[in-house]
Amino acid sequence: MEFLCPNHRQQFAELPLEERKDLWLFWMENAQACSEQGQWRDVISLSGSAFDLACLQSPREESCMHIELTLSAILVSRALSDRGDRAGMDAVILRALECLPQPDYQASVEGCCHAQECVAVLIDPSRHADFFADYLNWPSLPFVPRKRVTMLRTLH
């Protein structure tokens, strides 16, 4: 599942890392604003674009965007799931896992979590909200898993 068209993908891949990070943050902030207004299509579009941007890898860069990739993957996958698109949600998580650096990669960026932590967070939805709280200054994760309603049957 891809959210950016090939032309934009190529254009954004050529941006310096700091400009890509600024664009990522701009899209995520707008996704948050849209989530507060219940504009779910816009949330999916914006967070999906941020996710695609974070998936772009440049061989000339020493640092990466795996934190950004993880955060945007969580947001877009939860938005898709909330809208009933489980296949889309699974595709985003799988793609995020494929885009993360391999286990032998050693993050050289100070203050940055290891890719293995990002993998653990992506596969454990109970860690999503805490990961957001640690890395973004959002009041809460926009999508809370629905509680399963259990019907009790009383026999008389």
C-alpha atoms as a PDB file:
ATOM      1  CA  MET A   1       0.000   0.000   0.000  1.00  0.00           C
ATOM      2  CA  GLU A   2       1.450   3.331  -1.085  1.00  0.00           C
ATOM      3  CA  PHE A   3       0.091   6.804  -0.412  1.00  0.00           C
ATOM      4  CA  LEU A   4       2.420   9.041  -2.457  1.00  0.00           C
ATOM      5  CA  CYS A   5       2.429   8.991  -6.243  1.00  0.00           C
ATOM      6  CA  PRO A   6       5.714   7.921  -7.902  1.00  0.00           C
ATOM      7  CA  ASN A   7       6.521  11.497  -8.982  1.00  0.00           C
ATOM      8  CA  HIS A   8       6.213  12.862  -5.454  1.00  0.00           C
ATOM      9  CA  ARG A   9       8.075   9.882  -4.044  1.00  0.00           C
ATOM     10  CA  GLN A  10      11.034  10.646  -6.340  1.00  0.00           C
ATOM     11  CA  GLN A  11      10.837  14.374  -5.604  1.00  0.00           C
ATOM     12  CA  PHE A  12      10.797  13.864  -1.824  1.00  0.00           C
ATOM     13  CA  ALA A  13      13.613  11.283  -1.938  1.00  0.00           C
ATOM     14  CA  GLU A  14      15.889  14.014  -3.257  1.00  0.00           C
ATOM     15  CA  LEU A  15      15.180  16.372  -0.339  1.00  0.00           C
ATOM     16  CA  PRO A  16      17.794  16.684   2.412  1.00  0.00           C
ATOM     17  CA  LEU A  17      16.970  14.651   5.515  1.00  0.00           C
ATOM     18  CA  GLU A  18      16.076  17.696   7.638  1.00  0.00           C
ATOM     19  CA  GLU A  19      13.604  18.925   5.034  1.00  0.00           C
ATOM     20  CA  ARG A  20      12.010  15.466   4.874  1.00  0.00           C
ATOM     21  CA  LYS A  21      11.704  15.445   8.659  1.00  0.00           C
ATOM     22  CA  ASP A  22      10.079  18.896   8.609  1.00  0.00           C
ATOM     23  CA  LEU A  23       7.613  17.770   5.939  1.00  0.00           C
ATOM     24  CA  TRP A  24       6.894  14.578   7.909  1.00  0.00           C
ATOM     25  CA  LEU A  25       6.121  16.622  11.033  1.00  0.00           C
ATOM     26  CA  PHE A  26       3.915  19.026   9.066  1.00  0.00           C
ATOM     27  CA  TRP A  27       1.840  16.118   7.698  1.00  0.00           C
ATOM     28  CA  MET A  28       1.581  14.427  11.097  1.00  0.00           C
ATOM     29  CA  GLU A  29       0.496  17.641  12.834  1.00  0.00           C
ATOM     30  CA  ASN A  30      -2.181  18.135  10.190  1.00  0.00           C
ATOM     31  CA  ALA A  31      -3.258  14.505  10.604  1.00  0.00           C
ATOM     32  CA  GLN A  32      -3.685  15.127  14.320  1.00  0.00           C
ATOM     33  CA  ALA A  33      -5.797  18.242  13.662  1.00  0.00           C
ATOM     34  CA  CYS A  34      -7.957  16.273  11.215  1.00  0.00           C
ATOM     35  CA  SER A  35      -8.386  13.445  13.723  1.00  0.00           C
ATOM     36  CA  GLU A  36      -9.704  15.916  16.295  1.00  0.00           C
ATOM     37  CA  GLN A  37     -12.320  16.992  13.740  1.00  0.00           C
ATOM     38  CA  GLY A  38     -13.213  13.436  12.722  1.00  0.00           C
ATOM     39  CA  GLN A  39     -11.905  13.879   9.164  1.00  0.00           C
ATOM     40  CA  TRP A  40     -10.662  10.304   8.815  1.00  0.00           C
ATOM     41  CA  ARG A  41      -9.961  10.324   5.071  1.00  0.00           C
ATOM     42  CA  ASP A  42      -7.637  13.276   5.587  1.00  0.00           C
ATOM     43  CA  VAL A  43      -5.989  11.532   8.553  1.00  0.00           C
ATOM     44  CA  ILE A  44      -5.298   8.504   6.360  1.00  0.00           C
ATOM     45  CA  SER A  45      -4.023  10.631   3.471  1.00  0.00           C
ATOM     46  CA  LEU A  46      -1.754  12.806   5.621  1.00  0.00           C
ATOM     47  CA  SER A  47      -0.381  10.093   7.901  1.00  0.00           C
ATOM     48  CA  GLY A  48      -0.030   7.774   4.896  1.00  0.00           C
ATOM     49  CA  SER A  49       2.009  10.414   3.074  1.00  0.00           C
ATOM     50  CA  ALA A  50       4.143  10.875   6.198  1.00  0.00           C
ATOM     51  CA  PHE A  51       4.598   7.092   6.347  1.00  0.00           C
ATOM     52  CA  ASP A  52       5.685   6.878   2.688  1.00  0.00           C
ATOM     53  CA  LEU A  53       8.094   9.760   3.257  1.00  0.00           C
ATOM     54  CA  ALA A  54       9.619   7.990   6.262  1.00  0.00           C
ATOM     55  CA  CYS A  55      10.021   4.804   4.215  1.00  0.00           C
ATOM     56  CA  LEU A  56      12.261   6.579   1.704  1.00  0.00           C
ATOM     57  CA  GLN A  57      15.863   5.530   2.217  1.00  0.00           C
ATOM     58  CA  SER A  58      18.869   7.344   0.903  1.00  0.00           C
ATOM     59  CA  PRO A  59      22.138   5.429   0.717  1.00  0.00           C
ATOM     60  CA  ARG A  60      24.126   8.617   1.338  1.00  0.00           C
ATOM     61  CA  GLU A  61      22.584   9.220   4.778  1.00  0.00           C
ATOM     62  CA  GLU A  62      24.085   8.005   8.018  1.00  0.00           C
ATOM     63  CA  SER A  63      20.875   8.543   9.954  1.00  0.00           C
ATOM     64  CA  CYS A  64      17.392   7.325   9.190  1.00  0.00           C
ATOM     65  CA  MET A  65      13.786   8.056   9.998  1.00  0.00           C
ATOM     66  CA  HIS A  66      12.815   4.840  11.787  1.00  0.00           C
ATOM     67  CA  ILE A  67      11.126   6.633  14.692  1.00  0.00           C
ATOM     68  CA  GLU A  68       9.102   8.692  12.226  1.00  0.00           C
ATOM     69  CA  LEU A  69       8.377   5.567  10.197  1.00  0.00           C
ATOM     70  CA  THR A  70       7.089   3.770  13.296  1.00  0.00           C
ATOM     71  CA  LEU A  71       4.930   6.678  14.480  1.00  0.00           C
ATOM     72  CA  SER A  72       3.325   7.267  11.093  1.00  0.00           C
ATOM     73  CA  ALA A  73       2.834   3.518  10.528  1.00  0.00           C
ATOM     74  CA  ILE A  74       0.989   3.293  13.838  1.00  0.00           C
ATOM     75  CA  LEU A  75      -1.224   6.266  13.032  1.00  0.00           C
ATOM     76  CA  VAL A  76      -2.158   5.299   9.479  1.00  0.00           C
ATOM     77  CA  SER A  77      -2.636   1.614  10.348  1.00  0.00           C
ATOM     78  CA  ARG A  78      -4.898   2.455  13.274  1.00  0.00           C
ATOM     79  CA  ALA A  79      -6.872   4.896  11.138  1.00  0.00           C
ATOM     80  CA  LEU A  80      -7.318   2.222   8.468  1.00  0.00           C
ATOM     81  CA  SER A  81      -8.327  -0.345  11.069  1.00  0.00           C
ATOM     82  CA  ASP A  82     -10.796   2.058  12.631  1.00  0.00           C
ATOM     83  CA  ARG A  83     -12.372   2.528   9.205  1.00  0.00           C
ATOM     84  CA  GLY A  84     -12.691  -1.266   8.797  1.00  0.00           C
ATOM     85  CA  ASP A  85      -9.719  -1.812   6.473  1.00  0.00           C
ATOM     86  CA  ARG A  86      -7.855  -4.625   8.260  1.00  0.00           C
ATOM     87  CA  ALA A  87      -6.024  -5.634   5.061  1.00  0.00           C
ATOM     88  CA  GLY A  88      -4.732  -2.075   4.653  1.00  0.00           C
ATOM     89  CA  MET A  89      -3.676  -1.972   8.291  1.00  0.00           C
ATOM     90  CA  ASP A  90      -1.764  -5.236   7.947  1.00  0.00           C
ATOM     91  CA  ALA A  91      -0.122  -4.053   4.708  1.00  0.00           C
ATOM     92  CA  VAL A  92       1.143  -0.870   6.376  1.00  0.00           C
ATOM     93  CA  ILE A  93       2.584  -2.730   9.378  1.00  0.00           C
ATOM     94  CA  LEU A  94       4.241  -5.311   7.128  1.00  0.00           C
ATOM     95  CA  ARG A  95       5.748  -2.609   4.920  1.00  0.00           C
ATOM     96  CA  ALA A  96       6.994  -0.724   7.989  1.00  0.00           C
ATOM     97  CA  LEU A  97       8.676  -3.874   9.282  1.00  0.00           C
ATOM     98  CA  GLU A  98      10.314  -4.391   5.867  1.00  0.00           C
ATOM     99  CA  CYS A  99      11.560  -0.782   5.733  1.00  0.00           C
ATOM    100  CA  LEU A 100      13.159  -0.778   9.164  1.00  0.00           C
ATOM    101  CA  PRO A 101      16.919  -1.328   9.263  1.00  0.00           C
ATOM    102  CA  GLN A 102      18.132  -4.896   9.625  1.00  0.00           C
ATOM    103  CA  PRO A 103      19.068  -6.159  13.116  1.00  0.00           C
ATOM    104  CA  ASP A 104      22.806  -5.765  12.444  1.00  0.00           C
ATOM    105  CA  TYR A 105      22.260  -2.024  11.880  1.00  0.00           C
ATOM    106  CA  GLN A 106      23.648   0.064  14.743  1.00  0.00           C
ATOM    107  CA  ALA A 107      21.886   3.389  15.150  1.00  0.00           C
ATOM    108  CA  SER A 108      24.538   6.063  15.467  1.00  0.00           C
ATOM    109  CA  VAL A 109      22.092   8.838  16.217  1.00  0.00           C
ATOM    110  CA  GLU A 110      22.303   9.877  19.846  1.00  0.00           C
ATOM    111  CA  GLY A 111      18.989   9.801  21.689  1.00  0.00           C
ATOM    112  CA  CYS A 112      17.416   7.589  19.040  1.00  0.00           C
ATOM    113  CA  CYS A 113      15.870   4.243  19.864  1.00  0.00           C
ATOM    114  CA  HIS A 114      17.103   1.113  18.150  1.00  0.00           C
ATOM    115  CA  ALA A 115      15.258  -0.349  15.198  1.00  0.00           C
ATOM    116  CA  GLN A 116      14.578  -3.481  17.261  1.00  0.00           C
ATOM    117  CA  GLU A 117      12.483  -1.386  19.650  1.00  0.00           C
ATOM    118  CA  CYS A 118      10.502  -0.052  16.691  1.00  0.00           C
ATOM    119  CA  VAL A 119       9.835  -3.607  15.521  1.00  0.00           C
ATOM    120  CA  ALA A 120       8.656  -4.588  19.002  1.00  0.00           C
ATOM    121  CA  VAL A 121       6.342  -1.571  19.150  1.00  0.00           C
ATOM    122  CA  LEU A 122       4.866  -2.222  15.707  1.00  0.00           C
ATOM    123  CA  ILE A 123       3.953  -5.819  16.505  1.00  0.00           C
ATOM    124  CA  ASP A 124       2.540  -5.031  19.959  1.00  0.00           C
ATOM    125  CA  PRO A 125      -0.455  -2.634  19.720  1.00  0.00           C
ATOM    126  CA  SER A 126      -0.515  -2.254  23.509  1.00  0.00           C
ATOM    127  CA  ARG A 127       2.742  -0.264  23.196  1.00  0.00           C
ATOM    128  CA  HIS A 128       1.474   2.194  20.548  1.00  0.00           C
ATOM    129  CA  ALA A 129       0.090   4.845  22.918  1.00  0.00           C
ATOM    130  CA  ASP A 130       3.215   4.904  25.086  1.00  0.00           C
ATOM    131  CA  PHE A 131       5.449   5.195  22.017  1.00  0.00           C
ATOM    132  CA  PHE A 132       3.416   8.208  20.895  1.00  0.00           C
ATOM    133  CA  ALA A 133       3.655   9.741  24.357  1.00  0.00           C
ATOM    134  CA  ASP A 134       7.428   9.253  24.356  1.00  0.00           C
ATOM    135  CA  TYR A 135       8.075  10.795  20.937  1.00  0.00           C
ATOM    136  CA  LEU A 136       5.227  13.185  20.103  1.00  0.00           C
ATOM    137  CA  ASN A 137       3.626  15.861  22.229  1.00  0.00           C
ATOM    138  CA  TRP A 138       0.082  14.726  21.455  1.00  0.00           C
ATOM    139  CA  PRO A 139      -2.517  14.677  24.224  1.00  0.00           C
ATOM    140  CA  SER A 140      -3.450  11.112  23.238  1.00  0.00           C
ATOM    141  CA  LEU A 141      -3.336   8.632  20.427  1.00  0.00           C
ATOM    142  CA  PRO A 142      -6.313   9.490  18.193  1.00  0.00           C
ATOM    143  CA  PHE A 143      -7.521   5.916  17.866  1.00  0.00           C
ATOM    144  CA  VAL A 144      -8.262   3.764  20.843  1.00  0.00           C
ATOM    145  CA  PRO A 145      -8.962   0.098  20.206  1.00  0.00           C
ATOM    146  CA  ARG A 146     -12.638  -0.608  20.521  1.00  0.00           C
ATOM    147  CA  LYS A 147     -13.584  -2.586  23.553  1.00  0.00           C
ATOM    148  CA  ARG A 148     -15.082  -5.895  22.759  1.00  0.00           C
ATOM    149  CA  VAL A 149     -18.677  -6.021  23.851  1.00  0.00           C
ATOM    150  CA  THR A 150     -19.555  -9.282  25.473  1.00  0.00           C
ATOM    151  CA  MET A 151     -23.143 -10.316  25.488  1.00  0.00           C
ATOM    152  CA  LEU A 152     -24.158 -12.218  28.570  1.00  0.00           C
ATOM    153  CA  ARG A 153     -27.012 -14.560  28.242  1.00  0.00           C
ATOM    154  CA  THR A 154     -29.095 -15.122  31.303  1.00  0.00           C
ATOM    155  CA  LEU A 155     -31.083 -18.295  31.536  1.00  0.00           C
ATOM    156  CA  HIS A 156     -34.234 -18.202  33.624  1.00  0.00           C
END
